């Protein structure tokens, strides 16, 4: 995937960051010190929640209990953001999230979670496991595909810089 536009946002003379730097940081295996935060909005009231996101085929995927605020917000308004402090770069991604129910994608997402230590399994059109985050509630957990159209990255290690990438998706 290649950005349709790259804009250098750095005010100190650094070059624009390459998209590959952000993409590679997103694609790294998750570590306990990396948390992604989903921002949703419904009826003008913003909401943020930590999520366990994973990169798969140029998309981020995450789960939610259908009764959780984030899932209820996304049912009304799929526009959302995901923010993350990743090794060497902070990112804010703007886009939309849609629920995924096809078995092949669900199995790929569950396999990714299992590789990270969460024993997720596909059950029907959602995931289940013996446990999840304390705030997640009981299974099932719906899977969402986040399609980003704009990403802002700020490098936190050399070479420094700030860049916005836009995608036609």
Protein backbone atom coordinates (compact mmCIF):
# COMPACT_ATOMS: atom_id res chain seq x y z
CA UNK A 1 0.00 0.00 0.00
CA UNK A 2 1.33 3.39 -0.99
CA UNK A 3 0.09 6.77 0.24
CA UNK A 4 -1.61 8.96 -2.36
CA UNK A 5 -0.18 12.02 -0.63
CA UNK A 6 2.67 12.64 1.82
CA UNK A 7 2.91 15.97 3.64
CA UNK A 8 5.88 16.98 5.76
CA UNK A 9 4.56 18.51 9.01
CA UNK A 10 7.97 19.03 10.62
CA UNK A 11 8.71 22.67 11.56
CA UNK A 12 12.37 22.12 12.38
CA UNK A 13 13.74 21.14 8.98
CA UNK A 14 13.58 17.35 9.19
CA UNK A 15 12.67 15.41 6.07
CA UNK A 16 9.27 13.78 5.67
CA UNK A 17 9.18 10.34 7.25
CA UNK A 18 8.78 7.39 4.90
CA UNK A 19 5.49 5.49 5.18
CA UNK A 20 7.51 2.29 5.59
CA UNK A 21 8.65 3.49 9.02
CA UNK A 22 5.08 3.82 10.27
CA UNK A 23 3.91 0.63 8.52
CA UNK A 24 6.77 -1.43 9.97
CA UNK A 25 6.04 -0.12 13.48
CA UNK A 26 2.35 -1.06 13.08
CA UNK A 27 3.25 -4.53 11.81
CA UNK A 28 5.60 -5.44 14.68
CA UNK A 29 4.51 -8.18 17.03
CA UNK A 30 2.60 -6.61 19.91
CA UNK A 31 4.43 -6.08 23.18
CA UNK A 32 2.98 -5.41 26.62
CA UNK A 33 4.18 -1.79 26.54
CA UNK A 34 2.24 -0.94 23.34
CA UNK A 35 -1.41 -0.01 23.65
CA UNK A 36 -3.67 1.20 20.90
CA UNK A 37 -6.47 3.59 21.79
CA UNK A 38 -9.73 3.65 19.83
CA UNK A 39 -11.57 6.97 19.69
CA UNK A 40 -15.27 6.88 18.84
CA UNK A 41 -18.05 9.45 18.89
CA UNK A 42 -21.79 9.08 19.16
CA UNK A 43 -24.23 11.94 19.54
CA UNK A 44 -21.31 14.36 19.85
CA UNK A 45 -19.88 12.65 22.94
CA UNK A 46 -16.30 11.37 22.43
CA UNK A 47 -15.09 8.12 23.94
CA UNK A 48 -11.64 6.52 24.12
CA UNK A 49 -10.80 2.92 25.00
CA UNK A 50 -7.64 0.84 25.02
CA UNK A 51 -7.78 -2.00 22.52
CA UNK A 52 -5.57 -4.92 21.53
CA UNK A 53 -5.10 -4.10 17.87
CA UNK A 54 -3.21 -6.23 15.37
CA UNK A 55 -1.92 -5.54 11.86
CA UNK A 56 -3.03 -7.93 9.13
CA UNK A 57 -2.89 -7.33 5.36
CA UNK A 58 -2.63 -3.52 5.62
CA UNK A 59 -5.48 -3.16 8.11
CA UNK A 60 -5.74 -2.98 11.88
CA UNK A 61 -8.14 -5.41 13.56
CA UNK A 62 -9.55 -5.25 17.08
CA UNK A 63 -12.31 -6.81 19.14
CA UNK A 64 -15.18 -5.57 21.25
CA UNK A 65 -17.96 -7.05 23.29
CA UNK A 66 -21.15 -6.05 21.42
CA UNK A 67 -22.49 -4.37 24.58
CA UNK A 68 -19.36 -2.23 25.10
CA UNK A 69 -19.60 1.51 24.52
CA UNK A 70 -17.14 1.36 21.60
CA UNK A 71 -19.24 -1.25 19.76
CA UNK A 72 -22.43 0.70 20.36
CA UNK A 73 -20.74 3.89 19.13
CA UNK A 74 -19.42 2.18 15.98
CA UNK A 75 -22.90 0.82 15.19
CA UNK A 76 -24.13 4.43 15.01
CA UNK A 77 -21.02 6.08 13.56
CA UNK A 78 -18.22 3.94 12.06
CA UNK A 79 -15.83 6.90 11.80
CA UNK A 80 -13.11 6.60 14.41
CA UNK A 81 -9.43 7.00 15.23
CA UNK A 82 -6.75 4.69 16.53
CA UNK A 83 -3.74 6.16 18.32
CA UNK A 84 -0.62 4.31 19.39
CA UNK A 85 2.79 4.99 20.88
CA UNK A 86 4.96 2.51 19.01
CA UNK A 87 8.72 1.97 19.19
CA UNK A 88 10.25 5.07 17.61
CA UNK A 89 7.02 6.68 16.37
CA UNK A 90 3.68 7.93 17.66
CA UNK A 91 0.75 7.48 15.26
CA UNK A 92 -2.81 8.75 14.96
CA UNK A 93 -4.87 6.99 12.28
CA UNK A 94 -8.23 8.29 11.03
CA UNK A 95 -10.72 6.04 9.29
CA UNK A 96 -13.69 3.75 9.76
CA UNK A 97 -14.31 0.44 11.49
CA UNK A 98 -16.62 -2.28 10.27
CA UNK A 99 -17.55 -5.57 11.84
CA UNK A 100 -16.05 -8.64 10.17
CA UNK A 101 -17.96 -11.94 10.14
CA UNK A 102 -16.33 -14.06 7.42
CA UNK A 103 -14.72 -17.20 8.79
CA UNK A 104 -11.41 -16.90 6.95
CA UNK A 105 -10.69 -13.42 8.33
CA UNK A 106 -11.91 -14.35 11.80
CA UNK A 107 -9.57 -17.33 11.88
CA UNK A 108 -6.61 -15.21 10.72
CA UNK A 109 -7.33 -12.64 13.44
CA UNK A 110 -7.78 -15.34 16.10
CA UNK A 111 -4.47 -16.92 15.02
CA UNK A 112 -2.76 -13.55 15.42
CA UNK A 113 -4.14 -13.17 18.93
CA UNK A 114 -3.08 -16.72 19.81
CA UNK A 115 0.45 -15.97 18.59
CA UNK A 116 0.45 -13.02 21.00
CA UNK A 117 -0.62 -15.16 23.95
CA UNK A 118 -4.41 -14.72 24.02
CA UNK A 119 -6.12 -18.09 23.36
CA UNK A 120 -8.84 -16.73 21.05
CA UNK A 121 -10.97 -19.13 19.00
CA UNK A 122 -13.63 -18.55 16.37
CA UNK A 123 -17.14 -19.39 17.49
CA UNK A 124 -19.88 -18.57 14.99
CA UNK A 125 -19.29 -15.04 13.72
CA UNK A 126 -17.17 -13.84 16.66
CA UNK A 127 -14.27 -14.78 18.94
CA UNK A 128 -14.30 -16.47 22.29
CA UNK A 129 -11.63 -17.30 24.87
CA UNK A 130 -11.47 -18.35 28.52
CA UNK A 131 -10.56 -14.74 29.50
CA UNK A 132 -10.02 -11.26 28.12
CA UNK A 133 -9.25 -7.76 29.42
CA UNK A 134 -11.02 -7.01 32.72
CA UNK A 135 -13.25 -4.42 31.04
CA UNK A 136 -14.09 -6.57 27.98
CA UNK A 137 -17.02 -8.43 29.48
CA UNK A 138 -17.96 -12.00 28.67
CA UNK A 139 -17.66 -13.47 25.17
CA UNK A 140 -18.48 -13.32 22.35
CA UNK A 141 -16.21 -10.54 21.07
CA UNK A 142 -16.93 -9.08 17.68
CA UNK A 143 -14.02 -8.43 15.32
CA UNK A 144 -13.64 -5.08 13.58
CA UNK A 145 -11.51 -4.10 10.57
CA UNK A 146 -10.18 -0.56 10.78
CA UNK A 147 -9.65 1.06 7.37
CA UNK A 148 -7.53 4.18 7.72
CA UNK A 149 -7.45 7.00 5.20
CA UNK A 150 -5.14 9.43 6.99
CA UNK A 151 -2.20 8.80 9.33
CA UNK A 152 -0.09 11.34 11.23
CA UNK A 153 3.26 10.16 12.54
CA UNK A 154 5.71 11.88 14.88
CA UNK A 155 9.11 10.25 15.25
CA UNK A 156 10.28 9.86 18.85
CA UNK A 157 13.82 8.73 17.95
CA UNK A 158 16.25 9.85 15.25
CA UNK A 159 15.75 10.60 12.49
CA UNK A 160 13.05 12.89 13.82
CA UNK A 161 10.18 14.32 11.85
CA UNK A 162 6.43 14.64 11.56
CA UNK A 163 4.45 13.54 8.52
CA UNK A 164 0.87 13.06 7.34
CA UNK A 165 0.09 10.31 4.87
CA UNK A 166 -3.22 10.16 2.98
CA UNK A 167 -4.57 6.99 1.38
CA UNK A 168 -7.21 6.45 -1.30
CA UNK A 169 -8.97 3.33 -0.06
